[in-house]
Amino acid sequence: MSKIKGIAFDKDGTLIDFEASWSKGLISLIESIFPNQTDKQQVLAEEIGFNLVFEKFVGGSVFVNGTTDDVIDVWKKHFPELITEDIKQKSEMAFRNLEPIPLCNLEIFMSNLKEKGYFLSVITNAAEAPTLIQLEKLGCLHLLDAVIGCDSGFNPKPSGDTILGFCNAIGLKPDQIAMVGDSTHDLNAGREAGVGMNVGVLSGPATIDQMSGLADIILDDILGLPEILEKETRPTFLS
């Protein structure tokens, strides 16, 4: 295989602690859509893979894997009276003041990878503008060669289109890229794009069983990545 020269990271669940960062905002959003209607709130939560009692996401959650439009589409199947723009406005309010919580010191982690010569990107199904703000707050935006969101002009994950966009931006072939993510959407995107290494991480809600058929290797979190890249080995999983 070609030597890995570029790394495409998913954001939420891979670089950022998804539940710690966004679960409170989701609860606020759900409550704002159906105030004081706990039965309908429960349906909203269940349909997008969120446990309201334990405030936890489940593997395969559309809120974790998909775009805002994907979430709204699921909700409107059950509640067609919902208005898309109204939900988007409520979502902006619910998440506006929340701070992303990183899974490690991302500035140091990314700096070490840059020093080794890797091209770096974040490819997410979140919108580009808030992603840029979050990465700036986390101190790693200046270390990235590309940031691609669901509204950056490419088909979002699980399509491999965003990864190919990163390749074109930096002049690398897909088999020179490692895709690193915590969901099947990330790994399916890597497969479709033809990346050289598909790396799953267990820092999000997806399980080993859900990712093992798609990943070349599975790590507990991104901190194990540098060693794997150095060796460029592909055990079935490492946890």
Foldseek 3Di string as FASTA:
>chain_A
DDAAFAEEEAPDLAFFLNQVQPLQLLLQLLCVVPPPPVVLSCVLQVQQAADPVVSAGAAPGCVQQAALVVSVVSSCVVVVVDDSVVSVVSSCVSNVPTATHTPDLVQVVLVVVVVVRHAYEYAYQYDQVVVLVNCVVSVCNVSHQYYHYCPNPFHHFVALGVVVVVCVSVVHQQCNYEFEEAHPRSLSSSVNSVYVFYEHEPSGNHDCVRCLVRGQEYYPHCVPVVVCSVVVDRDSYDD
